[in-house]
Protein backbone atom coordinates (compact mmCIF):
# COMPACT_ATOMS: atom_id res chain seq x y z
CA MET A 1 0.06 0.10 0.13
CA ILE A 2 2.73 2.55 1.07
CA THR A 3 4.47 1.71 -2.48
CA ARG A 4 1.37 2.66 -4.37
CA ILE A 5 0.96 5.86 -2.36
CA ILE A 6 4.53 6.86 -3.17
CA ASP A 7 3.94 5.93 -6.89
CA VAL A 8 0.76 8.02 -7.06
CA THR A 9 2.44 11.02 -5.26
CA HIS A 10 5.34 10.93 -7.54
CA THR A 11 2.84 10.95 -10.56
CA VAL A 12 0.96 13.90 -9.42
CA ALA A 13 4.31 15.96 -8.56
CA THR A 14 5.71 14.86 -12.03
CA TYR A 15 2.44 15.87 -13.77
CA ARG A 16 2.03 19.21 -12.07
CA THR A 17 5.70 20.52 -11.81
CA PRO A 18 6.49 21.18 -15.62
CA ALA A 19 5.28 24.43 -17.36
CA GLY A 20 2.21 23.94 -19.30
CA PRO A 21 -1.63 23.47 -18.97
CA HIS A 22 -1.39 21.34 -15.72
CA HIS A 23 1.37 23.25 -13.91
CA ASP A 24 0.31 23.65 -10.31
CA LEU A 25 3.36 23.78 -7.90
CA SER A 26 1.08 24.04 -4.78
CA ALA A 27 -0.69 20.84 -5.84
CA ALA A 28 2.76 18.93 -6.48
CA ARG A 29 3.95 20.19 -3.01
CA GLN A 30 0.94 18.95 -1.37
CA ALA A 31 1.34 15.54 -3.11
CA VAL A 32 4.90 15.31 -1.88
CA ALA A 33 3.92 16.39 1.64
CA THR A 34 1.26 13.65 1.73
CA GLY A 35 3.69 11.04 0.41
CA LEU A 36 6.35 11.92 2.87
CA ASP A 37 3.81 11.92 5.80
CA VAL A 38 3.32 8.25 4.77
CA ASP A 39 6.94 7.38 4.23
CA ASP A 40 9.54 10.02 5.28
CA THR A 41 12.37 7.76 3.65
CA ALA A 42 11.10 7.90 0.19
CA GLU A 43 14.12 9.29 -1.89
CA LEU A 44 12.13 9.70 -4.93
CA LEU A 45 9.60 12.23 -3.27
CA TYR A 46 12.52 14.19 -1.93
CA ARG A 47 13.94 14.63 -5.46
CA ASP A 48 10.50 15.52 -6.59
CA TRP A 49 10.30 18.12 -3.75
CA MET A 50 13.77 19.61 -4.90
CA ARG A 51 12.56 19.84 -8.46
CA ILE A 52 9.32 21.59 -7.37
CA GLU A 53 11.42 24.18 -5.42
CA ALA A 54 13.81 24.58 -8.23
CA ALA A 55 10.86 25.13 -10.62
CA ALA A 56 9.43 27.61 -8.24
CA GLY A 57 12.89 29.45 -7.93
CA ASN A 58 12.55 28.91 -4.11
CA ARG A 59 15.93 28.77 -2.69
CA GLN A 60 14.83 28.50 0.79
CA GLY A 61 12.21 25.59 -0.02
CA LEU A 62 15.15 23.69 -1.69
CA HIS A 63 17.42 24.33 1.17
CA THR A 64 14.52 23.07 3.46
CA ALA A 65 14.20 19.90 1.16
CA VAL A 66 17.96 19.12 1.25
CA THR A 67 18.30 19.77 4.92
CA ARG A 68 15.27 17.21 5.76
CA VAL A 69 16.53 14.46 3.39
CA GLN A 70 20.14 14.97 5.16
CA GLN A 71 18.50 14.39 8.50
CA VAL A 72 16.56 11.29 7.52
CA ASN A 73 19.87 9.79 5.96
CA ARG A 74 21.72 10.67 9.29
CA ALA A 75 18.98 8.87 11.12
CA LEU A 76 19.23 5.95 8.96
CA ASP A 77 23.11 6.15 9.03
CA CYS A 78 22.94 6.29 5.27
CA SER A 79 25.23 8.42 2.82
CA LEU A 80 23.56 11.04 0.58
CA VAL A 81 24.48 11.40 -2.94
CA LEU A 82 23.04 14.36 -4.66
CA GLN A 83 23.60 14.52 -8.42
CA ARG A 84 23.73 17.81 -10.11
CA ARG A 85 22.27 18.04 -13.50
CA LEU A 86 24.60 19.85 -15.96
CA ALA A 87 22.63 21.95 -18.57
């Protein structure tokens, strides 16, 4: 069940983030927040969250997402590898 919730959350975030007729960053953020409430270790949702904040030009929101995923990784004793996309 949790996997399906994460999948749907990711789908909504992916659908609502790009510019176009379905662009709605508030809906994308809400979907990610709901998914992270269900599973706060879902790496895919943190990546979605970072994409949303980057699309919004929200540096503080991006910083918040990165800080939260770092906290989760520390709690799980996991390393974090963030990839930077080159344009």
